[in-house]
Amino acid sequence: VAVLEEGMKFQAIGIPPEQAQFLETRKFQINEIARIFRVPPHMVGDLE
């Protein structure tokens, strides 16, 4: 819990991971690298 004094305010900036599709990007790069070596995705742990 943050305690602010003297009228101080905290304004968050930046892009949250859900907006930047962080997990989707990581999953796509895994498939991209598997495609380079021609390895099926299920052999690198992607069973989707």
ModelCIF file with pLDDT and N, C-alpha, C, O atoms, coordinates in Angstrom:
data_MODEL
#
_entry.id   MODEL 
#
_entity.id                         1 
_entity.type                       polymer 
_entity.pdbx_number_of_molecules   1 
#
_entity_poly.entity_id                      1 
_entity_poly.type                           'polypeptide(L)' 
_entity_poly.nstd_linkage                   no 
_entity_poly.nstd_monomer                   no 
_entity_poly.pdbx_seq_one_letter_code       VAVLEEGMKFQAIGIPPEQAQFLETRKFQINEIARIFRVPPHMVGDLE 
_entity_poly.pdbx_seq_one_letter_code_can   VAVLEEGMKFQAIGIPPEQAQFLETRKFQINEIARIFRVPPHMVGDLE 
_entity_poly.pdbx_strand_id                 A 
#
loop_
_entity_poly_seq.entity_id 
_entity_poly_seq.num 
_entity_poly_seq.mon_id 
_entity_poly_seq.hetero 
1 1  VAL n 
1 2  ALA n 
1 3  VAL n 
1 4  LEU n 
1 5  GLU n 
1 6  GLU n 
1 7  GLY n 
1 8  MET n 
1 9  LYS n 
1 10 PHE n 
1 11 GLN n 
1 12 ALA n 
1 13 ILE n 
1 14 GLY n 
1 15 ILE n 
1 16 PRO n 
1 17 PRO n 
1 18 GLU n 
1 19 GLN n 
1 20 ALA n 
1 21 GLN n 
1 22 PHE n 
1 23 LEU n 
1 24 GLU n 
1 25 THR n 
1 26 ARG n 
1 27 LYS n 
1 28 PHE n 
1 29 GLN n 
1 30 ILE n 
1 31 ASN n 
1 32 GLU n 
1 33 ILE n 
1 34 ALA n 
1 35 ARG n 
1 36 ILE n 
1 37 PHE n 
1 38 ARG n 
1 39 VAL n 
1 40 PRO n 
1 41 PRO n 
1 42 HIS n 
1 43 MET n 
1 44 VAL n 
1 45 GLY n 
1 46 ASP n 
1 47 LEU n 
1 48 GLU n 
#
_struct_asym.id          A 
_struct_asym.entity_id   1 
#
loop_
_ma_qa_metric.id 
_ma_qa_metric.mode 
_ma_qa_metric.name 
_ma_qa_metric.software_group_id 
_ma_qa_metric.type 
1 global pLDDT . pLDDT 
2 local  pLDDT . pLDDT 
#
_ma_qa_metric_global.metric_id      1 
_ma_qa_metric_global.metric_value   73.04 
_ma_qa_metric_global.model_id       1 
_ma_qa_metric_global.ordinal_id     1 
#
loop_
_ma_qa_metric_local.label_asym_id 
_ma_qa_metric_local.label_comp_id 
_ma_qa_metric_local.label_seq_id 
_ma_qa_metric_local.metric_id 
_ma_qa_metric_local.metric_value 
_ma_qa_metric_local.model_id 
_ma_qa_metric_local.ordinal_id 
A VAL 1  2 57.00 1 1  
A ALA 2  2 62.00 1 2  
A VAL 3  2 60.00 1 3  
A LEU 4  2 63.00 1 4  
A GLU 5  2 62.00 1 5  
A GLU 6  2 66.00 1 6  
A GLY 7  2 60.00 1 7  
A MET 8  2 68.00 1 8  
A LYS 9  2 68.00 1 9  
A PHE 10 2 67.00 1 10 
A GLN 11 2 65.00 1 11 
A ALA 12 2 64.00 1 12 
A ILE 13 2 57.00 1 13 
A GLY 14 2 62.00 1 14 
A ILE 15 2 58.00 1 15 
A PRO 16 2 61.00 1 16 
A PRO 17 2 58.00 1 17 
A GLU 18 2 57.00 1 18 
A GLN 19 2 54.00 1 19 
A ALA 20 2 57.00 1 20 
A GLN 21 2 65.00 1 21 
A PHE 22 2 68.00 1 22 
A LEU 23 2 70.00 1 23 
A GLU 24 2 75.00 1 24 
A THR 25 2 76.00 1 25 
A ARG 26 2 77.00 1 26 
A LYS 27 2 78.00 1 27 
A PHE 28 2 82.00 1 28 
A GLN 29 2 83.00 1 29 
A ILE 30 2 85.00 1 30 
A ASN 31 2 86.00 1 31 
A GLU 32 2 87.00 1 32 
A ILE 33 2 89.00 1 33 
A ALA 34 2 89.00 1 34 
A ARG 35 2 89.00 1 35 
A ILE 36 2 89.00 1 36 
A PHE 37 2 92.00 1 37 
A ARG 38 2 90.00 1 38 
A VAL 39 2 91.00 1 39 
A PRO 40 2 89.00 1 40 
A PRO 41 2 83.00 1 41 
A HIS 42 2 84.00 1 42 
A MET 43 2 84.00 1 43 
A VAL 44 2 81.00 1 44 
A GLY 45 2 76.00 1 45 
A ASP 46 2 74.00 1 46 
A LEU 47 2 74.00 1 47 
A GLU 48 2 74.00 1 48 
#
loop_
_atom_site.group_PDB 
_atom_site.id 
_atom_site.type_symbol 
_atom_site.label_atom_id 
_atom_site.label_alt_id 
_atom_site.label_comp_id 
_atom_site.label_asym_id 
_atom_site.label_entity_id 
_atom_site.label_seq_id 
_atom_site.pdbx_PDB_ins_code 
_atom_site.Cartn_x 
_atom_site.Cartn_y 
_atom_site.Cartn_z 
_atom_site.occupancy 
_atom_site.B_iso_or_equiv 
_atom_site.pdbx_formal_charge 
_atom_site.auth_seq_id 
_atom_site.auth_comp_id 
_atom_site.auth_asym_id 
_atom_site.auth_atom_id 
_atom_site.pdbx_PDB_model_num 
ATOM 1   N N  . VAL A 1 1  ? 0.846  -1.189  0.000   1.00 57.00 ? 1  VAL A N  1 
ATOM 2   C CA . VAL A 1 1  ? 0.000  0.000   0.000   1.00 57.00 ? 1  VAL A CA 1 
ATOM 3   C C  . VAL A 1 1  ? 0.885  1.245   0.000   1.00 57.00 ? 1  VAL A C  1 
ATOM 4   O O  . VAL A 1 1  ? 1.735  1.416   0.874   1.00 57.00 ? 1  VAL A O  1 
ATOM 5   N N  . ALA A 1 2  ? 0.677  2.101   -0.983  1.00 62.00 ? 2  ALA A N  1 
ATOM 6   C CA . ALA A 1 2  ? 1.439  3.333   -1.092  1.00 62.00 ? 2  ALA A CA 1 
ATOM 7   C C  . ALA A 1 2  ? 0.762  4.442   -0.285  1.00 62.00 ? 2  ALA A C  1 
ATOM 8   O O  . ALA A 1 2  ? -0.458 4.600   -0.326  1.00 62.00 ? 2  ALA A O  1 
ATOM 9   N N  . VAL A 1 3  ? 1.563  5.196   0.437   1.00 60.00 ? 3  VAL A N  1 
ATOM 10  C CA . VAL A 1 3  ? 1.084  6.328   1.229   1.00 60.00 ? 3  VAL A CA 1 
ATOM 11  C C  . VAL A 1 3  ? 1.674  7.597   0.635   1.00 60.00 ? 3  VAL A C  1 
ATOM 12  O O  . VAL A 1 3  ? 2.892  7.770   0.608   1.00 60.00 ? 3  VAL A O  1 
ATOM 13  N N  . LEU A 1 4  ? 0.799  8.492   0.155   1.00 63.00 ? 4  LEU A N  1 
ATOM 14  C CA . LEU A 1 4  ? 1.224  9.725   -0.484  1.00 63.00 ? 4  LEU A CA 1 
ATOM 15  C C  . LEU A 1 4  ? 0.857  10.907  0.408   1.00 63.00 ? 4  LEU A C  1 
ATOM 16  O O  . LEU A 1 4  ? -0.227 10.937  0.990   1.00 63.00 ? 4  LEU A O  1 
ATOM 17  N N  . GLU A 1 5  ? 1.763  11.884  0.513   1.00 62.00 ? 5  GLU A N  1 
ATOM 18  C CA . GLU A 1 5  ? 1.566  13.049  1.356   1.00 62.00 ? 5  GLU A CA 1 
ATOM 19  C C  . GLU A 1 5  ? 1.576  14.323  0.528   1.00 62.00 ? 5  GLU A C  1 
ATOM 20  O O  . GLU A 1 5  ? 1.989  14.327  -0.632  1.00 62.00 ? 5  GLU A O  1 
ATOM 21  N N  . GLU A 1 6  ? 1.116  15.404  1.144   1.00 66.00 ? 6  GLU A N  1 
ATOM 22  C CA . GLU A 1 6  ? 1.198  16.756  0.587   1.00 66.00 ? 6  GLU A CA 1 
ATOM 23  C C  . GLU A 1 6  ? 0.551  16.851  -0.791  1.00 66.00 ? 6  GLU A C  1 
ATOM 24  O O  . GLU A 1 6  ? 1.054  17.557  -1.665  1.00 66.00 ? 6  GLU A O  1 
ATOM 25  N N  . GLY A 1 7  ? -0.571 16.140  -0.992  1.00 60.00 ? 7  GLY A N  1 
ATOM 26  C CA . GLY A 1 7  ? -1.277 16.219  -2.260  1.00 60.00 ? 7  GLY A CA 1 
ATOM 27  C C  . GLY A 1 7  ? -0.597 15.528  -3.419  1.00 60.00 ? 7  GLY A C  1 
ATOM 28  O O  . GLY A 1 7  ? -0.959 15.766  -4.571  1.00 60.00 ? 7  GLY A O  1 
ATOM 29  N N  . MET A 1 8  ? 0.378  14.680  -3.150  1.00 68.00 ? 8  MET A N  1 
ATOM 30  C CA . MET A 1 8  ? 1.103  13.966  -4.211  1.00 68.00 ? 8  MET A CA 1 
ATOM 31  C C  . MET A 1 8  ? 0.213  12.897  -4.820  1.00 68.00 ? 8  MET A C  1 
ATOM 32  O O  . MET A 1 8  ? -0.562 12.253  -4.114  1.00 68.00 ? 8  MET A O  1 
ATOM 33  N N  . LYS A 1 9  ? 0.323  12.703  -6.147  1.00 68.00 ? 9  LYS A N  1 
ATOM 34  C CA . LYS A 1 9  ? -0.450 11.725  -6.877  1.00 68.00 ? 9  LYS A CA 1 
ATOM 35  C C  . LYS A 1 9  ? 0.489  10.860  -7.723  1.00 68.00 ? 9  LYS A C  1 
ATOM 36  O O  . LYS A 1 9  ? 1.532  11.317  -8.190  1.00 68.00 ? 9  LYS A O  1 
ATOM 37  N N  . PHE A 1 10 ? 0.089  9.602   -7.906  1.00 67.00 ? 10 PHE A N  1 
ATOM 38  C CA . PHE A 1 10 ? 0.826  8.679   -8.763  1.00 67.00 ? 10 PHE A CA 1 
ATOM 39  C C  . PHE A 1 10 ? 0.018  8.398   -10.015 1.00 67.00 ? 10 PHE A C  1 
ATOM 40  O O  . PHE A 1 10 ? -1.128 7.956   -9.930  1.00 67.00 ? 10 PHE A O  1 
ATOM 41  N N  . GLN A 1 11 ? 0.594  8.647   -11.154 1.00 65.00 ? 11 GLN A N  1 
ATOM 42  C CA . GLN A 1 11 ? -0.054 8.421   -12.441 1.00 65.00 ? 11 GLN A CA 1 
ATOM 43  C C  . GLN A 1 11 ? 0.718  7.338   -13.188 1.00 65.00 ? 11 GLN A C  1 
ATOM 44  O O  . GLN A 1 11 ? 1.860  7.540   -13.601 1.00 65.00 ? 11 GLN A O  1 
ATOM 45  N N  . ALA A 1 12 ? 0.071  6.189   -13.352 1.00 64.00 ? 12 ALA A N  1 
ATOM 46  C CA . ALA A 1 12 ? 0.725  5.073   -14.044 1.00 64.00 ? 12 ALA A CA 1 
ATOM 47  C C  . ALA A 1 12 ? 0.809  5.347   -15.534 1.00 64.00 ? 12 ALA A C  1 
ATOM 48  O O  . ALA A 1 12 ? -0.111 5.914   -16.123 1.00 64.00 ? 12 ALA A O  1 
ATOM 49  N N  . ILE A 1 13 ? 1.922  4.942   -16.142 1.00 57.00 ? 13 ILE A N  1 
ATOM 50  C CA . ILE A 1 13 ? 2.113  5.055   -17.581 1.00 57.00 ? 13 ILE A CA 1 
ATOM 51  C C  . ILE A 1 13 ? 2.623  3.709   -18.094 1.00 57.00 ? 13 ILE A C  1 
ATOM 52  O O  . ILE A 1 13 ? 2.992  2.831   -17.314 1.00 57.00 ? 13 ILE A O  1 
ATOM 53  N N  . GLY A 1 14 ? 2.635  3.570   -19.373 1.00 62.00 ? 14 GLY A N  1 
ATOM 54  C CA . GLY A 1 14 ? 3.079  2.327   -19.993 1.00 62.00 ? 14 GLY A CA 1 
ATOM 55  C C  . GLY A 1 14 ? 1.909  1.493   -20.472 1.00 62.00 ? 14 GLY A C  1 
ATOM 56  O O  . GLY A 1 14 ? 0.751  1.794   -20.181 1.00 62.00 ? 14 GLY A O  1 
ATOM 57  N N  . ILE A 1 15 ? 2.221  0.460   -21.196 1.00 58.00 ? 15 ILE A N  1 
ATOM 58  C CA . ILE A 1 15 ? 1.213  -0.407  -21.797 1.00 58.00 ? 15 ILE A CA 1 
ATOM 59  C C  . ILE A 1 15 ? 1.184  -1.714  -21.031 1.00 58.00 ? 15 ILE A C  1 
ATOM 60  O O  . ILE A 1 15 ? 2.203  -2.400  -20.953 1.00 58.00 ? 15 ILE A O  1 
ATOM 61  N N  . PRO A 1 16 ? 0.044  -2.075  -20.465 1.00 61.00 ? 16 PRO A N  1 
ATOM 62  C CA . PRO A 1 16 ? -0.052 -3.345  -19.754 1.00 61.00 ? 16 PRO A CA 1 
ATOM 63  C C  . PRO A 1 16 ? 0.153  -4.526  -20.694 1.00 61.00 ? 16 PRO A C  1 
ATOM 64  O O  . PRO A 1 16 ? -0.095 -4.402  -21.893 1.00 61.00 ? 16 PRO A O  1 
ATOM 65  N N  . PRO A 1 17 ? 0.594  -5.648  -20.184 1.00 58.00 ? 17 PRO A N  1 
ATOM 66  C CA . PRO A 1 17 ? 0.833  -6.808  -21.044 1.00 58.00 ? 17 PRO A CA 1 
ATOM 67  C C  . PRO A 1 17 ? -0.398 -7.281  -21.808 1.00 58.00 ? 17 PRO A C  1 
ATOM 68  O O  . PRO A 1 17 ? -0.275 -7.733  -22.947 1.00 58.00 ? 17 PRO A O  1 
ATOM 69  N N  . GLU A 1 18 ? -1.586 -7.188  -21.204 1.00 57.00 ? 18 GLU A N  1 
ATOM 70  C CA . GLU A 1 18 ? -2.766 -7.640  -21.930 1.00 57.00 ? 18 GLU A CA 1 
ATOM 71  C C  . GLU A 1 18 ? -3.054 -6.787  -23.148 1.00 57.00 ? 18 GLU A C  1 
ATOM 72  O O  . GLU A 1 18 ? -3.594 -7.284  -24.136 1.00 57.00 ? 18 GLU A O  1 
ATOM 73  N N  . GLN A 1 19 ? -2.693 -5.472  -23.094 1.00 54.00 ? 19 GLN A N  1 
ATOM 74  C CA . GLN A 1 19 ? -2.901 -4.623  -24.251 1.00 54.00 ? 19 GLN A CA 1 
ATOM 75  C C  . GLN A 1 19 ? -1.821 -4.839  -25.304 1.00 54.00 ? 19 GLN A C  1 
ATOM 76  O O  . GLN A 1 19 ? -2.092 -4.758  -26.502 1.00 54.00 ? 19 GLN A O  1 
ATOM 77  N N  . ALA A 1 20 ? -0.653 -5.101  -24.879 1.00 57.00 ? 20 ALA A N  1 
ATOM 78  C CA . ALA A 1 20 ? 0.442  -5.355  -25.819 1.00 57.00 ? 20 ALA A CA 1 
ATOM 79  C C  . ALA A 1 20 ? 0.463  -6.786  -26.327 1.00 57.00 ? 20 ALA A C  1 
ATOM 80  O O  . ALA A 1 20 ? 1.313  -7.129  -27.150 1.00 57.00 ? 20 ALA A O  1 
ATOM 81  N N  . GLN A 1 21 ? -0.468 -7.648  -25.849 1.00 65.00 ? 21 GLN A N  1 
ATOM 82  C CA . GLN A 1 21 ? -0.532 -9.055  -26.252 1.00 65.00 ? 21 GLN A CA 1 
ATOM 83  C C  . GLN A 1 21 ? 0.817  -9.741  -26.038 1.00 65.00 ? 21 GLN A C  1 
ATOM 84  O O  . GLN A 1 21 ? 1.380  -10.385 -26.923 1.00 65.00 ? 21 GLN A O  1 
ATOM 85  N N  . PHE A 1 22 ? 1.292  -9.561  -24.815 1.00 68.00 ? 22 PHE A N  1 
ATOM 86  C CA . PHE A 1 22 ? 2.606  -10.080 -24.467 1.00 68.00 ? 22 PHE A CA 1 
ATOM 87  C C  . PHE A 1 22 ? 2.677  -11.604 -24.612 1.00 68.00 ? 22 PHE A C  1 
ATOM 88  O O  . PHE A 1 22 ? 3.597  -12.125 -25.243 1.00 68.00 ? 22 PHE A O  1 
ATOM 89  N N  . LEU A 1 23 ? 1.726  -12.303 -24.042 1.00 70.00 ? 23 LEU A N  1 
ATOM 90  C CA . LEU A 1 23 ? 1.748  -13.759 -24.100 1.00 70.00 ? 23 LEU A CA 1 
ATOM 91  C C  . LEU A 1 23 ? 1.561  -14.276 -25.518 1.00 70.00 ? 23 LEU A C  1 
ATOM 92  O O  . LEU A 1 23 ? 2.197  -15.253 -25.913 1.00 70.00 ? 23 LEU A O  1 
ATOM 93  N N  . GLU A 1 24 ? 0.694  -13.627 -26.285 1.00 75.00 ? 24 GLU A N  1 
ATOM 94  C CA . GLU A 1 24 ? 0.489  -14.046 -27.670 1.00 75.00 ? 24 GLU A CA 1 
ATOM 95  C C  . GLU A 1 24 ? 1.755  -13.856 -28.497 1.00 75.00 ? 24 GLU A C  1 
ATOM 96  O O  . GLU A 1 24 ? 2.073  -14.679 -29.356 1.00 75.00 ? 24 GLU A O  1 
ATOM 97  N N  . THR A 1 25 ? 2.474  -12.769 -28.233 1.00 76.00 ? 25 THR A N  1 
ATOM 98  C CA . THR A 1 25 ? 3.718  -12.526 -28.951 1.00 76.00 ? 25 THR A CA 1 
ATOM 99  C C  . THR A 1 25 ? 4.755  -13.602 -28.640 1.00 76.00 ? 25 THR A C  1 
ATOM 100 O O  . THR A 1 25 ? 5.423  -14.106 -29.542 1.00 76.00 ? 25 THR A O  1 
ATOM 101 N N  . ARG A 1 26 ? 4.885  -13.950 -27.363 1.00 77.00 ? 26 ARG A N  1 
ATOM 102 C CA . ARG A 1 26 ? 5.831  -14.995 -26.988 1.00 77.00 ? 26 ARG A CA 1 
ATOM 103 C C  . ARG A 1 26 ? 5.454  -16.336 -27.620 1.00 77.00 ? 26 ARG A C  1 
ATOM 104 O O  . ARG A 1 26 ? 6.329  -17.070 -28.079 1.00 77.00 ? 26 ARG A O  1 
ATOM 105 N N  . LYS A 1 27 ? 4.167  -16.659 -27.648 1.00 78.00 ? 27 LYS A N  1 
ATOM 106 C CA . LYS A 1 27 ? 3.732  -17.913 -28.243 1.00 78.00 ? 27 LYS A CA 1 
ATOM 107 C C  . LYS A 1 27 ? 4.006  -17.939 -29.744 1.00 78.00 ? 27 LYS A C  1 
ATOM 108 O O  . LYS A 1 27 ? 4.416  -18.967 -30.283 1.00 78.00 ? 27 LYS A O  1 
ATOM 109 N N  . PHE A 1 28 ? 3.783  -16.816 -30.418 1.00 82.00 ? 28 PHE A N  1 
ATOM 110 C CA . PHE A 1 28 ? 4.051  -16.753 -31.848 1.00 82.00 ? 28 PHE A CA 1 
ATOM 111 C C  . PHE A 1 28 ? 5.532  -16.934 -32.136 1.00 82.00 ? 28 PHE A C  1 
ATOM 112 O O  . PHE A 1 28 ? 5.897  -17.605 -33.102 1.00 82.00 ? 28 PHE A O  1 
ATOM 113 N N  . GLN A 1 29 ? 6.390  -16.343 -31.311 1.00 83.00 ? 29 GLN A N  1 
ATOM 114 C CA . GLN A 1 29 ? 7.827  -16.485 -31.542 1.00 83.00 ? 29 GLN A CA 1 
ATOM 115 C C  . GLN A 1 29 ? 8.288  -17.916 -31.320 1.00 83.00 ? 29 GLN A C  1 
ATOM 116 O O  . GLN A 1 29 ? 9.227  -18.370 -31.974 1.00 83.00 ? 29 GLN A O  1 
ATOM 117 N N  . ILE A 1 30 ? 7.650  -18.623 -30.420 1.00 85.00 ? 30 ILE A N  1 
ATOM 118 C CA . ILE A 1 30 ? 7.982  -20.037 -30.250 1.00 85.00 ? 30 ILE A CA 1 
ATOM 119 C C  . ILE A 1 30 ? 7.660  -20.812 -31.524 1.00 85.00 ? 30 ILE A C  1 
ATOM 120 O O  . ILE A 1 30 ? 8.475  -21.608 -31.991 1.00 85.00 ? 30 ILE A O  1 
ATOM 121 N N  . ASN A 1 31 ? 6.482  -20.583 -32.085 1.00 86.00 ? 31 ASN A N  1 
ATOM 122 C CA . ASN A 1 31 ? 6.121  -21.230 -33.344 1.00 86.00 ? 31 ASN A CA 1 
ATOM 123 C C  . ASN A 1 31 ? 7.029  -20.787 -34.489 1.00 86.00 ? 31 ASN A C  1 
ATOM 124 O O  . ASN A 1 31 ? 7.352  -21.581 -35.372 1.00 86.00 ? 31 ASN A O  1 
ATOM 125 N N  . GLU A 1 32 ? 7.434  -19.532 -34.473 1.00 87.00 ? 32 GLU A N  1 
ATOM 126 C CA . GLU A 1 32 ? 8.328  -19.024 -35.510 1.00 87.00 ? 32 GLU A CA 1 
ATOM 127 C C  . GLU A 1 32 ? 9.677  -19.738 -35.469 1.00 87.00 ? 32 GLU A C  1 
ATOM 128 O O  . GLU A 1 32 ? 10.199 -20.134 -36.511 1.00 87.00 ? 32 GLU A O  1 
ATOM 129 N N  . ILE A 1 33 ? 10.238 -19.903 -34.286 1.00 89.00 ? 33 ILE A N  1 
ATOM 130 C CA . ILE A 1 33 ? 11.521 -20.583 -34.150 1.00 89.00 ? 33 ILE A CA 1 
ATOM 131 C C  . ILE A 1 33 ? 11.379 -22.065 -34.492 1.00 89.00 ? 33 ILE A C  1 
ATOM 132 O O  . ILE A 1 33 ? 12.261 -22.639 -35.131 1.00 89.00 ? 33 ILE A O  1 
ATOM 133 N N  . ALA A 1 34 ? 10.274 -22.692 -34.069 1.00 89.00 ? 34 ALA A N  1 
ATOM 134 C CA . ALA A 1 34 ? 10.036 -24.085 -34.441 1.00 89.00 ? 34 ALA A CA 1 
ATOM 135 C C  . ALA A 1 34 ? 9.914  -24.237 -35.950 1.00 89.00 ? 34 ALA A C  1 
ATOM 136 O O  . ALA A 1 34 ? 10.324 -25.258 -36.503 1.00 89.00 ? 34 ALA A O  1 
ATOM 137 N N  . ARG A 1 35 ? 9.354  -23.232 -36.624 1.00 89.00 ? 35 ARG A N  1 
ATOM 138 C CA . ARG A 1 35 ? 9.234  -23.258 -38.079 1.00 89.00 ? 35 ARG A CA 1 
ATOM 139 C C  . ARG A 1 35 ? 10.610 -23.177 -38.750 1.00 89.00 ? 35 ARG A C  1 
ATOM 140 O O  . ARG A 1 35 ? 10.820 -23.771 -39.807 1.00 89.00 ? 35 ARG A O  1 
ATOM 141 N N  . ILE A 1 36 ? 11.530 -22.453 -38.146 1.00 89.00 ? 36 ILE A N  1 
ATOM 142 C CA . ILE A 1 36 ? 12.879 -22.336 -38.705 1.00 89.00 ? 36 ILE A CA 1 
ATOM 143 C C  . ILE A 1 36 ? 13.552 -23.706 -38.756 1.00 89.00 ? 36 ILE A C  1 
ATOM 144 O O  . ILE A 1 36 ? 14.157 -24.069 -39.765 1.00 89.00 ? 36 ILE A O  1 
ATOM 145 N N  . PHE A 1 37 ? 13.445 -24.456 -37.673 1.00 92.00 ? 37 PHE A N  1 
ATOM 146 C CA . PHE A 1 37 ? 14.074 -25.774 -37.593 1.00 92.00 ? 37 PHE A CA 1 
ATOM 147 C C  . PHE A 1 37 ? 13.161 -26.896 -38.089 1.00 92.00 ? 37 PHE A C  1 
ATOM 148 O O  . PHE A 1 37 ? 13.558 -28.061 -38.056 1.00 92.00 ? 37 PHE A O  1 
ATOM 149 N N  . ARG A 1 38 ? 11.960 -26.577 -38.544 1.00 90.00 ? 38 ARG A N  1 
ATOM 150 C CA . ARG A 1 38 ? 10.978 -27.564 -39.025 1.00 90.00 ? 38 ARG A CA 1 
ATOM 151 C C  . ARG A 1 38 ? 10.685 -28.621 -37.969 1.00 90.00 ? 38 ARG A C  1 
ATOM 152 O O  . ARG A 1 38 ? 10.664 -29.818 -38.255 1.00 90.00 ? 38 ARG A O  1 
ATOM 153 N N  . VAL A 1 39 ? 10.461 -28.159 -36.752 1.00 91.00 ? 39 VAL A N  1 
ATOM 154 C CA . VAL A 1 39 ? 10.092 -29.032 -35.643 1.00 91.00 ? 39 VAL A CA 1 
ATOM 155 C C  . VAL A 1 39 ? 8.613  -28.823 -35.352 1.00 91.00 ? 39 VAL A C  1 
ATOM 156 O O  . VAL A 1 39 ? 8.191  -27.676 -35.205 1.00 91.00 ? 39 VAL A O  1 
ATOM 157 N N  . PRO A 1 40 ? 7.808  -29.875 -35.262 1.00 89.00 ? 40 PRO A N  1 
ATOM 158 C CA . PRO A 1 40 ? 6.387  -29.715 -34.942 1.00 89.00 ? 40 PRO A CA 1 
ATOM 159 C C  . PRO A 1 40 ? 6.192  -28.992 -33.618 1.00 89.00 ? 40 PRO A C  1 
ATOM 160 O O  . PRO A 1 40 ? 6.944  -29.235 -32.674 1.00 89.00 ? 40 PRO A O  1 
ATOM 161 N N  . PRO A 1 41 ? 5.202  -28.112 -33.524 1.00 83.00 ? 41 PRO A N  1 
ATOM 162 C CA . PRO A 1 41 ? 5.016  -27.340 -32.282 1.00 83.00 ? 41 PRO A CA 1 
ATOM 163 C C  . PRO A 1 41 ? 4.810  -28.209 -31.050 1.00 83.00 ? 41 PRO A C  1 
ATOM 164 O O  . PRO A 1 41 ? 5.222  -27.831 -29.954 1.00 83.00 ? 41 PRO A O  1 
ATOM 165 N N  . HIS A 1 42 ? 4.175  -29.374 -31.215 1.00 84.00 ? 42 HIS A N  1 
ATOM 166 C CA . HIS A 1 42 ? 3.920  -30.193 -30.027 1.00 84.00 ? 42 HIS A CA 1 
ATOM 167 C C  . HIS A 1 42 ? 5.202  -30.751 -29.437 1.00 84.00 ? 42 HIS A C  1 
ATOM 168 O O  . HIS A 1 42 ? 5.218  -31.135 -28.267 1.00 84.00 ? 42 HIS A O  1 
ATOM 169 N N  . MET A 1 43 ? 6.291  -30.808 -30.223 1.00 84.00 ? 43 MET A N  1 
ATOM 170 C CA . MET A 1 43 ? 7.553  -31.319 -29.711 1.00 84.00 ? 43 MET A CA 1 
ATOM 171 C C  . MET A 1 43 ? 8.300  -30.291 -28.884 1.00 84.00 ? 43 MET A C  1 
ATOM 172 O O  . MET A 1 43 ? 9.243  -30.643 -28.176 1.00 84.00 ? 43 MET A O  1 
ATOM 173 N N  . VAL A 1 44 ? 7.899  -29.018 -28.954 1.00 81.00 ? 44 VAL A N  1 
ATOM 174 C CA . VAL A 1 44 ? 8.486  -27.973 -28.106 1.00 81.00 ? 44 VAL A CA 1 
ATOM 175 C C  . VAL A 1 44 ? 7.506  -27.517 -27.041 1.00 81.00 ? 44 VAL A C  1 
ATOM 176 O O  . VAL A 1 44 ? 7.691  -26.463 -26.432 1.00 81.00 ? 44 VAL A O  1 
ATOM 177 N N  . GLY A 1 45 ? 6.473  -28.300 -26.816 1.00 76.00 ? 45 GLY A N  1 
ATOM 178 C CA . GLY A 1 45 ? 5.564  -28.029 -25.720 1.00 76.00 ? 45 GLY A CA 1 
ATOM 179 C C  . GLY A 1 45 ? 4.327  -27.243 -26.062 1.00 76.00 ? 45 GLY A C  1 
ATOM 180 O O  . GLY A 1 45 ? 3.566  -26.899 -25.157 1.00 76.00 ? 45 GLY A O  1 
ATOM 181 N N  . ASP A 1 46 ? 4.081  -26.935 -27.339 1.00 74.00 ? 46 ASP A N  1 
ATOM 182 C CA . ASP A 1 46 ? 2.896  -26.202 -27.743 1.00 74.00 ? 46 ASP A CA 1 
ATOM 183 C C  . ASP A 1 46 ? 1.841  -27.202 -28.210 1.00 74.00 ? 46 ASP A C  1 
ATOM 184 O O  . ASP A 1 46 ? 1.902  -27.686 -29.340 1.00 74.00 ? 46 ASP A O  1 
ATOM 185 N N  . LEU A 1 47 ? 0.882  -27.512 -27.352 1.00 74.00 ? 47 LEU A N  1 
ATOM 186 C CA . LEU A 1 47 ? -0.146 -28.506 -27.641 1.00 74.00 ? 47 LEU A CA 1 
ATOM 187 C C  . LEU A 1 47 ? -1.494 -27.877 -27.943 1.00 74.00 ? 47 LEU A C  1 
ATOM 188 O O  . LEU A 1 47 ? -2.517 -28.558 -27.877 1.00 74.00 ? 47 LEU A O  1 
ATOM 189 N N  . GLU A 1 48 ? -1.520 -26.588 -28.276 1.00 74.00 ? 48 GLU A N  1 
ATOM 190 C CA . GLU A 1 48 ? -2.781 -25.897 -28.468 1.00 74.00 ? 48 GLU A CA 1 
ATOM 191 C C  . GLU A 1 48 ? -3.585 -26.485 -29.627 1.00 74.00 ? 48 GLU A C  1 
ATOM 192 O O  . GLU A 1 48 ? -4.682 -26.010 -29.920 1.00 74.00 ? 48 GLU A O  1 
#
